[in-house]
All heavy atoms as atom14 arrays in JSON, in Angstrom:
{
  "sequence": "TVSEDRAGRVSRTFWPYAIACGLSAVMFAAGYLLSSRDQEMVREVS",
  "atom14_mask": [
    [1, 1, 1, 1, 1, 1, 1, 0, 0, 0, 0, 0, 0, 0],
    [1, 1, 1, 1, 1, 1, 1, 0, 0, 0, 0, 0, 0, 0],
    [1, 1, 1, 1, 1, 1, 0, 0, 0, 0, 0, 0, 0, 0],
    [1, 1, 1, 1, 1, 1, 1, 1, 1, 0, 0, 0, 0, 0],
    [1, 1, 1, 1, 1, 1, 1, 1, 0, 0, 0, 0, 0, 0],
    [1, 1, 1, 1, 1, 1, 1, 1, 1, 1, 1, 0, 0, 0],
    [1, 1, 1, 1, 1, 0, 0, 0, 0, 0, 0, 0, 0, 0],
    [1, 1, 1, 1, 0, 0, 0, 0, 0, 0, 0, 0, 0, 0],
    [1, 1, 1, 1, 1, 1, 1, 1, 1, 1, 1, 0, 0, 0],
    [1, 1, 1, 1, 1, 1, 1, 0, 0, 0, 0, 0, 0, 0],
    [1, 1, 1, 1, 1, 1, 0, 0, 0, 0, 0, 0, 0, 0],
    [1, 1, 1, 1, 1, 1, 1, 1, 1, 1, 1, 0, 0, 0],
    [1, 1, 1, 1, 1, 1, 1, 0, 0, 0, 0, 0, 0, 0],
    [1, 1, 1, 1, 1, 1, 1, 1, 1, 1, 1, 0, 0, 0],
    [1, 1, 1, 1, 1, 1, 1, 1, 1, 1, 1, 1, 1, 1],
    [1, 1, 1, 1, 1, 1, 1, 0, 0, 0, 0, 0, 0, 0],
    [1, 1, 1, 1, 1, 1, 1, 1, 1, 1, 1, 1, 0, 0],
    [1, 1, 1, 1, 1, 0, 0, 0, 0, 0, 0, 0, 0, 0],
    [1, 1, 1, 1, 1, 1, 1, 1, 0, 0, 0, 0, 0, 0],
    [1, 1, 1, 1, 1, 0, 0, 0, 0, 0, 0, 0, 0, 0],
    [1, 1, 1, 1, 1, 1, 0, 0, 0, 0, 0, 0, 0, 0],
    [1, 1, 1, 1, 0, 0, 0, 0, 0, 0, 0, 0, 0, 0],
    [1, 1, 1, 1, 1, 1, 1, 1, 0, 0, 0, 0, 0, 0],
    [1, 1, 1, 1, 1, 1, 0, 0, 0, 0, 0, 0, 0, 0],
    [1, 1, 1, 1, 1, 0, 0, 0, 0, 0, 0, 0, 0, 0],
    [1, 1, 1, 1, 1, 1, 1, 0, 0, 0, 0, 0, 0, 0],
    [1, 1, 1, 1, 1, 1, 1, 1, 0, 0, 0, 0, 0, 0],
    [1, 1, 1, 1, 1, 1, 1, 1, 1, 1, 1, 0, 0, 0],
    [1, 1, 1, 1, 1, 0, 0, 0, 0, 0, 0, 0, 0, 0],
    [1, 1, 1, 1, 1, 0, 0, 0, 0, 0, 0, 0, 0, 0],
    [1, 1, 1, 1, 0, 0, 0, 0, 0, 0, 0, 0, 0, 0],
    [1, 1, 1, 1, 1, 1, 1, 1, 1, 1, 1, 1, 0, 0],
    [1, 1, 1, 1, 1, 1, 1, 1, 0, 0, 0, 0, 0, 0],
    [1, 1, 1, 1, 1, 1, 1, 1, 0, 0, 0, 0, 0, 0],
    [1, 1, 1, 1, 1, 1, 0, 0, 0, 0, 0, 0, 0, 0],
    [1, 1, 1, 1, 1, 1, 0, 0, 0, 0, 0, 0, 0, 0],
    [1, 1, 1, 1, 1, 1, 1, 1, 1, 1, 1, 0, 0, 0],
    [1, 1, 1, 1, 1, 1, 1, 1, 0, 0, 0, 0, 0, 0],
    [1, 1, 1, 1, 1, 1, 1, 1, 1, 0, 0, 0, 0, 0],
    [1, 1, 1, 1, 1, 1, 1, 1, 1, 0, 0, 0, 0, 0],
    [1, 1, 1, 1, 1, 1, 1, 1, 0, 0, 0, 0, 0, 0],
    [1, 1, 1, 1, 1, 1, 1, 0, 0, 0, 0, 0, 0, 0],
    [1, 1, 1, 1, 1, 1, 1, 1, 1, 1, 1, 0, 0, 0],
    [1, 1, 1, 1, 1, 1, 1, 1, 1, 0, 0, 0, 0, 0],
    [1, 1, 1, 1, 1, 1, 1, 0, 0, 0, 0, 0, 0, 0],
    [1, 1, 1, 1, 1, 1, 0, 0, 0, 0, 0, 0, 0, 0]
  ],
  "atom14_positions": [
    [[185.34, 139.86, 17.64], [186.5, 139.52, 18.54], [187.51, 138.75, 17.65], [188.64, 139.0, 17.74], [186.14, 138.81, 19.79], [185.26, 139.51, 20.52], [187.29, 138.56, 20.56], [0.0, 0.0, 0.0], [0.0, 0.0, 0.0], [0.0, 0.0, 0.0], [0.0, 0.0, 0.0], [0.0, 0.0, 0.0], [0.0, 0.0, 0.0], [0.0, 0.0, 0.0]],
    [[187.05, 137.79, 16.88], [187.9, 137.01, 16.05], [188.54, 137.8, 14.98], [189.7, 137.69, 14.78], [187.09, 135.75, 15.46], [187.94, 135.1, 14.43], [186.7, 134.75, 16.54], [0.0, 0.0, 0.0], [0.0, 0.0, 0.0], [0.0, 0.0, 0.0], [0.0, 0.0, 0.0], [0.0, 0.0, 0.0], [0.0, 0.0, 0.0], [0.0, 0.0, 0.0]],
    [[187.85, 138.69, 14.4], [188.41, 139.48, 13.27], [189.37, 140.53, 13.83], [190.48, 140.75, 13.36], [187.19, 140.37, 12.63], [186.27, 139.52, 12.07], [0.0, 0.0, 0.0], [0.0, 0.0, 0.0], [0.0, 0.0, 0.0], [0.0, 0.0, 0.0], [0.0, 0.0, 0.0], [0.0, 0.0, 0.0], [0.0, 0.0, 0.0], [0.0, 0.0, 0.0]],
    [[189.06, 140.97, 15.06], [190.14, 142.0, 15.54], [191.34, 141.23, 16.01], [192.54, 141.75, 15.85], [189.46, 142.74, 16.82], [188.42, 143.79, 16.5], [187.76, 144.39, 17.66], [188.0, 143.83, 18.75], [186.98, 145.27, 17.55], [0.0, 0.0, 0.0], [0.0, 0.0, 0.0], [0.0, 0.0, 0.0], [0.0, 0.0, 0.0], [0.0, 0.0, 0.0]],
    [[191.16, 139.98, 16.55], [192.31, 139.28, 16.99], [193.2, 138.9, 15.79], [194.37, 139.02, 15.73], [191.95, 138.1, 17.78], [193.22, 137.25, 18.24], [193.93, 137.78, 19.14], [193.26, 136.16, 17.73], [0.0, 0.0, 0.0], [0.0, 0.0, 0.0], [0.0, 0.0, 0.0], [0.0, 0.0, 0.0], [0.0, 0.0, 0.0], [0.0, 0.0, 0.0]],
    [[192.55, 138.49, 14.7], [193.33, 138.14, 13.52], [194.02, 139.38, 12.89], [195.1, 139.27, 12.45], [192.31, 137.51, 12.47], [192.99, 137.13, 11.18], [191.98, 136.4, 10.36], [191.39, 135.27, 10.86], [190.31, 134.67, 10.4], [189.68, 135.01, 9.31], [189.89, 133.61, 11.02], [0.0, 0.0, 0.0], [0.0, 0.0, 0.0], [0.0, 0.0, 0.0]],
    [[193.21, 140.51, 12.92], [193.88, 141.72, 12.36], [195.11, 142.12, 13.27], [196.13, 142.64, 12.76], [192.9, 142.82, 12.29], [0.0, 0.0, 0.0], [0.0, 0.0, 0.0], [0.0, 0.0, 0.0], [0.0, 0.0, 0.0], [0.0, 0.0, 0.0], [0.0, 0.0, 0.0], [0.0, 0.0, 0.0], [0.0, 0.0, 0.0], [0.0, 0.0, 0.0]],
    [[194.94, 141.88, 14.54], [196.05, 142.34, 15.41], [197.3, 141.52, 15.12], [198.39, 141.97, 15.18], [0.0, 0.0, 0.0], [0.0, 0.0, 0.0], [0.0, 0.0, 0.0], [0.0, 0.0, 0.0], [0.0, 0.0, 0.0], [0.0, 0.0, 0.0], [0.0, 0.0, 0.0], [0.0, 0.0, 0.0], [0.0, 0.0, 0.0], [0.0, 0.0, 0.0]],
    [[196.99, 140.22, 15.01], [198.2, 139.27, 14.62], [198.84, 139.6, 13.38], [200.04, 139.64, 13.19], [197.73, 137.83, 14.63], [197.31, 137.28, 16.02], [197.37, 135.76, 16.01], [196.43, 135.3, 15.01], [195.03, 134.93, 15.2], [194.61, 135.11, 16.43], [194.44, 134.52, 14.32], [0.0, 0.0, 0.0], [0.0, 0.0, 0.0], [0.0, 0.0, 0.0]],
    [[198.09, 139.98, 12.4], [198.58, 140.42, 11.01], [199.37, 141.65, 11.17], [200.47, 141.9, 10.62], [197.45, 140.54, 10.03], [197.98, 141.07, 8.64], [196.81, 139.17, 9.67], [0.0, 0.0, 0.0], [0.0, 0.0, 0.0], [0.0, 0.0, 0.0], [0.0, 0.0, 0.0], [0.0, 0.0, 0.0], [0.0, 0.0, 0.0], [0.0, 0.0, 0.0]],
    [[198.81, 142.62, 11.87], [199.47, 143.87, 12.15], [200.81, 143.72, 12.75], [201.84, 144.36, 12.4], [198.66, 145.03, 12.9], [197.39, 145.12, 12.18], [0.0, 0.0, 0.0], [0.0, 0.0, 0.0], [0.0, 0.0, 0.0], [0.0, 0.0, 0.0], [0.0, 0.0, 0.0], [0.0, 0.0, 0.0], [0.0, 0.0, 0.0], [0.0, 0.0, 0.0]],
    [[200.8, 142.88, 13.93], [202.02, 142.7, 14.58], [203.14, 142.08, 13.85], [204.3, 142.19, 13.96], [201.65, 141.96, 15.91], [200.98, 142.71, 17.03], [201.02, 141.99, 18.25], [200.36, 140.69, 18.13], [199.05, 140.5, 18.39], [198.27, 141.53, 18.67], [198.35, 139.31, 18.36], [0.0, 0.0, 0.0], [0.0, 0.0, 0.0], [0.0, 0.0, 0.0]],
    [[202.74, 141.29, 12.84], [203.56, 140.57, 11.92], [204.01, 141.47, 10.76], [205.27, 141.44, 10.35], [203.0, 139.25, 11.33], [202.52, 138.45, 12.52], [203.96, 138.43, 10.57], [0.0, 0.0, 0.0], [0.0, 0.0, 0.0], [0.0, 0.0, 0.0], [0.0, 0.0, 0.0], [0.0, 0.0, 0.0], [0.0, 0.0, 0.0], [0.0, 0.0, 0.0]],
    [[203.17, 142.29, 10.3], [203.41, 142.97, 9.01], [204.25, 144.19, 9.27], [205.26, 144.49, 8.57], [202.09, 143.42, 8.43], [202.21, 144.36, 7.27], [202.66, 143.91, 5.97], [201.91, 145.7, 7.52], [202.86, 145.0, 5.03], [202.02, 146.71, 6.43], [202.46, 146.23, 5.21], [0.0, 0.0, 0.0], [0.0, 0.0, 0.0], [0.0, 0.0, 0.0]],
    [[203.96, 144.95, 10.35], [204.54, 146.3, 10.52], [206.02, 146.32, 10.7], [206.78, 147.2, 10.13], [203.78, 147.09, 11.63], [202.55, 147.74, 11.11], [201.26, 147.27, 11.45], [202.34, 148.64, 10.07], [200.29, 147.95, 10.83], [200.99, 148.86, 9.94], [203.18, 149.37, 9.28], [200.36, 149.77, 9.1], [202.73, 150.32, 8.31], [201.39, 150.45, 8.28]],
    [[206.59, 145.34, 11.5], [208.0, 145.29, 11.57], [208.81, 145.11, 10.38], [209.8, 145.71, 10.07], [208.27, 144.16, 12.61], [206.99, 144.06, 13.44], [205.9, 144.42, 12.5], [0.0, 0.0, 0.0], [0.0, 0.0, 0.0], [0.0, 0.0, 0.0], [0.0, 0.0, 0.0], [0.0, 0.0, 0.0], [0.0, 0.0, 0.0], [0.0, 0.0, 0.0]],
    [[208.22, 144.17, 9.5], [208.78, 144.01, 8.17], [208.69, 145.2, 7.3], [209.55, 145.63, 6.53], [208.14, 142.79, 7.45], [208.6, 141.43, 8.07], [207.72, 140.72, 8.8], [209.86, 140.92, 7.83], [208.13, 139.5, 9.41], [210.26, 139.67, 8.48], [209.35, 139.05, 9.2], [209.77, 137.78, 9.75], [0.0, 0.0, 0.0], [0.0, 0.0, 0.0]],
    [[207.44, 145.91, 7.39], [207.28, 147.08, 6.59], [208.25, 148.21, 6.96], [208.88, 148.86, 6.14], [205.71, 147.52, 6.66], [0.0, 0.0, 0.0], [0.0, 0.0, 0.0], [0.0, 0.0, 0.0], [0.0, 0.0, 0.0], [0.0, 0.0, 0.0], [0.0, 0.0, 0.0], [0.0, 0.0, 0.0], [0.0, 0.0, 0.0], [0.0, 0.0, 0.0]],
    [[208.48, 148.33, 8.25], [209.37, 149.47, 8.76], [210.77, 149.06, 8.34], [211.46, 149.94, 7.91], [209.24, 149.54, 10.33], [207.86, 150.1, 10.62], [210.24, 150.4, 10.83], [207.65, 150.05, 12.21], [0.0, 0.0, 0.0], [0.0, 0.0, 0.0], [0.0, 0.0, 0.0], [0.0, 0.0, 0.0], [0.0, 0.0, 0.0], [0.0, 0.0, 0.0]],
    [[211.18, 147.78, 8.48], [212.51, 147.43, 8.07], [212.8, 147.65, 6.49], [213.81, 148.2, 6.1], [212.8, 145.96, 8.35], [0.0, 0.0, 0.0], [0.0, 0.0, 0.0], [0.0, 0.0, 0.0], [0.0, 0.0, 0.0], [0.0, 0.0, 0.0], [0.0, 0.0, 0.0], [0.0, 0.0, 0.0], [0.0, 0.0, 0.0], [0.0, 0.0, 0.0]],
    [[211.73, 147.26, 5.84], [211.88, 147.49, 4.33], [211.97, 148.93, 3.92], [212.76, 149.47, 3.16], [210.71, 146.87, 3.61], [210.7, 145.05, 3.63], [0.0, 0.0, 0.0], [0.0, 0.0, 0.0], [0.0, 0.0, 0.0], [0.0, 0.0, 0.0], [0.0, 0.0, 0.0], [0.0, 0.0, 0.0], [0.0, 0.0, 0.0], [0.0, 0.0, 0.0]],
    [[211.2, 149.81, 4.77], [211.25, 151.22, 4.53], [212.53, 151.83, 4.91], [213.13, 152.67, 4.05], [0.0, 0.0, 0.0], [0.0, 0.0, 0.0], [0.0, 0.0, 0.0], [0.0, 0.0, 0.0], [0.0, 0.0, 0.0], [0.0, 0.0, 0.0], [0.0, 0.0, 0.0], [0.0, 0.0, 0.0], [0.0, 0.0, 0.0], [0.0, 0.0, 0.0]],
    [[213.05, 151.42, 5.92], [214.4, 151.95, 6.38], [215.52, 151.53, 5.41], [216.41, 152.29, 5.08], [214.73, 151.43, 7.85], [213.94, 151.98, 8.92], [214.33, 151.31, 10.19], [214.19, 153.54, 9.02], [0.0, 0.0, 0.0], [0.0, 0.0, 0.0], [0.0, 0.0, 0.0], [0.0, 0.0, 0.0], [0.0, 0.0, 0.0], [0.0, 0.0, 0.0]],
    [[215.43, 150.26, 4.91], [216.38, 149.76, 3.95], [216.39, 150.67, 2.65], [217.37, 150.99, 2.11], [216.14, 148.35, 3.52], [216.31, 147.56, 4.74], [0.0, 0.0, 0.0], [0.0, 0.0, 0.0], [0.0, 0.0, 0.0], [0.0, 0.0, 0.0], [0.0, 0.0, 0.0], [0.0, 0.0, 0.0], [0.0, 0.0, 0.0], [0.0, 0.0, 0.0]],
    [[215.13, 150.9, 2.23], [214.88, 151.83, 1.0], [215.53, 153.16, 1.2], [216.19, 153.79, 0.33], [213.49, 151.8, 0.71], [0.0, 0.0, 0.0], [0.0, 0.0, 0.0], [0.0, 0.0, 0.0], [0.0, 0.0, 0.0], [0.0, 0.0, 0.0], [0.0, 0.0, 0.0], [0.0, 0.0, 0.0], [0.0, 0.0, 0.0], [0.0, 0.0, 0.0]],
    [[215.25, 153.74, 2.41], [215.81, 155.07, 2.67], [217.35, 155.08, 2.68], [218.0, 155.97, 2.23], [215.25, 155.64, 4.09], [215.95, 156.98, 4.44], [213.76, 155.97, 3.89], [0.0, 0.0, 0.0], [0.0, 0.0, 0.0], [0.0, 0.0, 0.0], [0.0, 0.0, 0.0], [0.0, 0.0, 0.0], [0.0, 0.0, 0.0], [0.0, 0.0, 0.0]],
    [[217.95, 154.08, 3.38], [219.42, 153.94, 3.5], [219.96, 153.82, 2.06], [221.0, 154.27, 1.72], [219.76, 152.87, 4.37], [219.37, 153.16, 5.77], [219.75, 151.6, 6.96], [221.52, 151.65, 6.83], [0.0, 0.0, 0.0], [0.0, 0.0, 0.0], [0.0, 0.0, 0.0], [0.0, 0.0, 0.0], [0.0, 0.0, 0.0], [0.0, 0.0, 0.0]],
    [[219.38, 152.99, 1.19], [219.82, 152.74, -0.12], [219.85, 154.07, -0.88], [220.66, 154.38, -1.66], [218.99, 151.72, -0.85], [219.38, 151.52, -2.32], [220.55, 150.74, -2.65], [218.55, 152.16, -3.3], [220.85, 150.59, -3.99], [218.89, 151.95, -4.66], [220.06, 151.17, -5.02], [0.0, 0.0, 0.0], [0.0, 0.0, 0.0], [0.0, 0.0, 0.0]],
    [[218.66, 154.79, -0.85], [218.54, 156.06, -1.62], [219.56, 156.98, -1.09], [220.15, 157.76, -1.84], [217.13, 156.62, -1.39], [0.0, 0.0, 0.0], [0.0, 0.0, 0.0], [0.0, 0.0, 0.0], [0.0, 0.0, 0.0], [0.0, 0.0, 0.0], [0.0, 0.0, 0.0], [0.0, 0.0, 0.0], [0.0, 0.0, 0.0], [0.0, 0.0, 0.0]],
    [[219.77, 157.13, 0.2], [220.79, 158.15, 0.78], [222.2, 157.73, 0.29], [222.97, 158.63, -0.09], [220.77, 158.08, 2.34], [0.0, 0.0, 0.0], [0.0, 0.0, 0.0], [0.0, 0.0, 0.0], [0.0, 0.0, 0.0], [0.0, 0.0, 0.0], [0.0, 0.0, 0.0], [0.0, 0.0, 0.0], [0.0, 0.0, 0.0], [0.0, 0.0, 0.0]],
    [[222.4, 156.39, 0.27], [223.84, 155.89, -0.14], [223.95, 156.28, -1.74], [225.05, 156.76, -2.13], [0.0, 0.0, 0.0], [0.0, 0.0, 0.0], [0.0, 0.0, 0.0], [0.0, 0.0, 0.0], [0.0, 0.0, 0.0], [0.0, 0.0, 0.0], [0.0, 0.0, 0.0], [0.0, 0.0, 0.0], [0.0, 0.0, 0.0], [0.0, 0.0, 0.0]],
    [[222.94, 156.15, -2.5], [223.05, 156.42, -3.86], [223.21, 157.84, -4.19], [224.07, 158.23, -4.96], [221.83, 155.86, -4.51], [221.73, 156.35, -5.97], [222.41, 155.55, -7.0], [221.08, 157.36, -6.57], [222.35, 155.92, -8.32], [221.01, 157.73, -7.88], [221.68, 156.99, -8.81], [221.58, 157.28, -10.08], [0.0, 0.0, 0.0], [0.0, 0.0, 0.0]],
    [[222.58, 158.71, -3.41], [222.78, 160.15, -3.46], [224.06, 160.6, -3.17], [224.73, 161.47, -3.74], [221.72, 160.94, -2.77], [220.22, 160.81, -3.27], [219.31, 161.44, -2.34], [220.07, 161.39, -4.67], [0.0, 0.0, 0.0], [0.0, 0.0, 0.0], [0.0, 0.0, 0.0], [0.0, 0.0, 0.0], [0.0, 0.0, 0.0], [0.0, 0.0, 0.0]],
    [[224.55, 160.13, -2.01], [226.0, 160.5, -1.6], [226.9, 160.0, -2.57], [227.96, 160.74, -2.94], [226.27, 159.91, -0.17], [225.46, 160.42, 0.94], [225.79, 159.62, 2.21], [225.9, 161.83, 1.14], [0.0, 0.0, 0.0], [0.0, 0.0, 0.0], [0.0, 0.0, 0.0], [0.0, 0.0, 0.0], [0.0, 0.0, 0.0], [0.0, 0.0, 0.0]],
    [[226.83, 158.77, -3.15], [227.75, 158.35, -4.17], [227.76, 159.16, -5.4], [228.72, 159.42, -5.97], [227.51, 156.91, -4.56], [228.33, 156.38, -5.56], [0.0, 0.0, 0.0], [0.0, 0.0, 0.0], [0.0, 0.0, 0.0], [0.0, 0.0, 0.0], [0.0, 0.0, 0.0], [0.0, 0.0, 0.0], [0.0, 0.0, 0.0], [0.0, 0.0, 0.0]],
    [[226.46, 159.57, -5.76], [226.45, 160.43, -7.01], [227.04, 161.77, -6.68], [227.71, 162.31, -7.57], [224.93, 160.58, -7.37], [224.24, 159.33, -7.7], [0.0, 0.0, 0.0], [0.0, 0.0, 0.0], [0.0, 0.0, 0.0], [0.0, 0.0, 0.0], [0.0, 0.0, 0.0], [0.0, 0.0, 0.0], [0.0, 0.0, 0.0], [0.0, 0.0, 0.0]],
    [[226.83, 162.25, -5.56], [227.45, 163.64, -5.18], [228.98, 163.57, -5.26], [229.56, 164.4, -5.73], [226.93, 164.11, -3.85], [227.27, 165.47, -3.51], [226.74, 165.98, -2.15], [227.38, 165.21, -1.09], [227.27, 165.4, 0.13], [226.28, 166.36, 0.47], [227.81, 164.66, 1.04], [0.0, 0.0, 0.0], [0.0, 0.0, 0.0], [0.0, 0.0, 0.0]],
    [[229.48, 162.46, -4.75], [230.89, 162.31, -4.55], [231.49, 162.29, -6.02], [232.54, 162.83, -6.31], [231.36, 161.02, -3.9], [231.1, 161.19, -2.41], [230.86, 162.34, -1.93], [231.03, 160.15, -1.62], [0.0, 0.0, 0.0], [0.0, 0.0, 0.0], [0.0, 0.0, 0.0], [0.0, 0.0, 0.0], [0.0, 0.0, 0.0], [0.0, 0.0, 0.0]],
    [[230.79, 161.52, -6.99], [231.26, 161.41, -8.3], [231.21, 162.86, -8.91], [232.0, 163.15, -9.78], [230.36, 160.47, -9.11], [230.58, 159.02, -8.63], [229.69, 158.08, -9.41], [228.95, 158.44, -10.27], [229.76, 156.77, -8.97], [0.0, 0.0, 0.0], [0.0, 0.0, 0.0], [0.0, 0.0, 0.0], [0.0, 0.0, 0.0], [0.0, 0.0, 0.0]],
    [[230.12, 163.56, -8.64], [230.07, 165.07, -9.23], [231.09, 165.94, -8.71], [231.57, 166.76, -9.41], [228.65, 165.46, -8.94], [227.51, 164.8, -9.67], [226.21, 165.27, -9.3], [226.13, 166.25, -8.47], [225.26, 164.84, -9.86], [0.0, 0.0, 0.0], [0.0, 0.0, 0.0], [0.0, 0.0, 0.0], [0.0, 0.0, 0.0], [0.0, 0.0, 0.0]],
    [[231.54, 165.65, -7.49], [232.56, 166.45, -6.78], [233.88, 166.39, -7.43], [234.71, 167.25, -7.39], [232.55, 166.17, -5.28], [231.29, 166.72, -4.54], [231.41, 166.26, -2.82], [232.84, 167.13, -2.3], [0.0, 0.0, 0.0], [0.0, 0.0, 0.0], [0.0, 0.0, 0.0], [0.0, 0.0, 0.0], [0.0, 0.0, 0.0], [0.0, 0.0, 0.0]],
    [[234.18, 165.3, -8.0], [235.54, 165.03, -8.56], [235.31, 164.76, -10.06], [235.02, 163.66, -10.54], [236.12, 163.73, -7.91], [237.54, 163.56, -8.49], [236.33, 163.9, -6.35], [0.0, 0.0, 0.0], [0.0, 0.0, 0.0], [0.0, 0.0, 0.0], [0.0, 0.0, 0.0], [0.0, 0.0, 0.0], [0.0, 0.0, 0.0], [0.0, 0.0, 0.0]],
    [[235.52, 165.87, -10.79], [235.44, 165.84, -12.2], [236.76, 166.24, -12.88], [237.23, 167.47, -12.72], [234.26, 166.79, -12.77], [234.0, 166.5, -14.26], [232.74, 167.29, -14.63], [232.87, 168.72, -14.52], [233.45, 169.5, -15.44], [233.72, 168.98, -16.72], [233.56, 170.78, -15.23], [0.0, 0.0, 0.0], [0.0, 0.0, 0.0], [0.0, 0.0, 0.0]],
    [[237.43, 165.32, -13.36], [238.78, 165.57, -13.92], [238.84, 166.01, -15.4], [238.15, 165.44, -16.17], [239.73, 164.36, -13.73], [241.13, 164.61, -14.04], [241.94, 163.42, -13.63], [242.44, 163.37, -12.53], [242.33, 162.58, -14.53], [0.0, 0.0, 0.0], [0.0, 0.0, 0.0], [0.0, 0.0, 0.0], [0.0, 0.0, 0.0], [0.0, 0.0, 0.0]],
    [[239.57, 167.09, -15.77], [239.72, 167.48, -17.12], [241.18, 167.53, -17.48], [242.09, 167.93, -16.71], [239.15, 169.05, -17.29], [239.29, 169.47, -18.71], [237.66, 169.06, -16.78], [0.0, 0.0, 0.0], [0.0, 0.0, 0.0], [0.0, 0.0, 0.0], [0.0, 0.0, 0.0], [0.0, 0.0, 0.0], [0.0, 0.0, 0.0], [0.0, 0.0, 0.0]],
    [[241.41, 167.04, -18.68], [242.83, 167.01, -19.11], [243.0, 167.53, -20.66], [242.12, 167.45, -21.41], [243.3, 165.46, -19.18], [243.31, 164.92, -17.85], [0.0, 0.0, 0.0], [0.0, 0.0, 0.0], [0.0, 0.0, 0.0], [0.0, 0.0, 0.0], [0.0, 0.0, 0.0], [0.0, 0.0, 0.0], [0.0, 0.0, 0.0], [0.0, 0.0, 0.0]]
  ]
}
């Protein structure tokens, strides 16, 4: 019972941070890809 309770408290504390970090990483990667695509879309030649 003590082990399950301790694991439950750790899980309730860990997963919100893990999910938040995962979403931040996905948003950063998406932003980087969009920025790279925009740079590729505008290539000027003179």
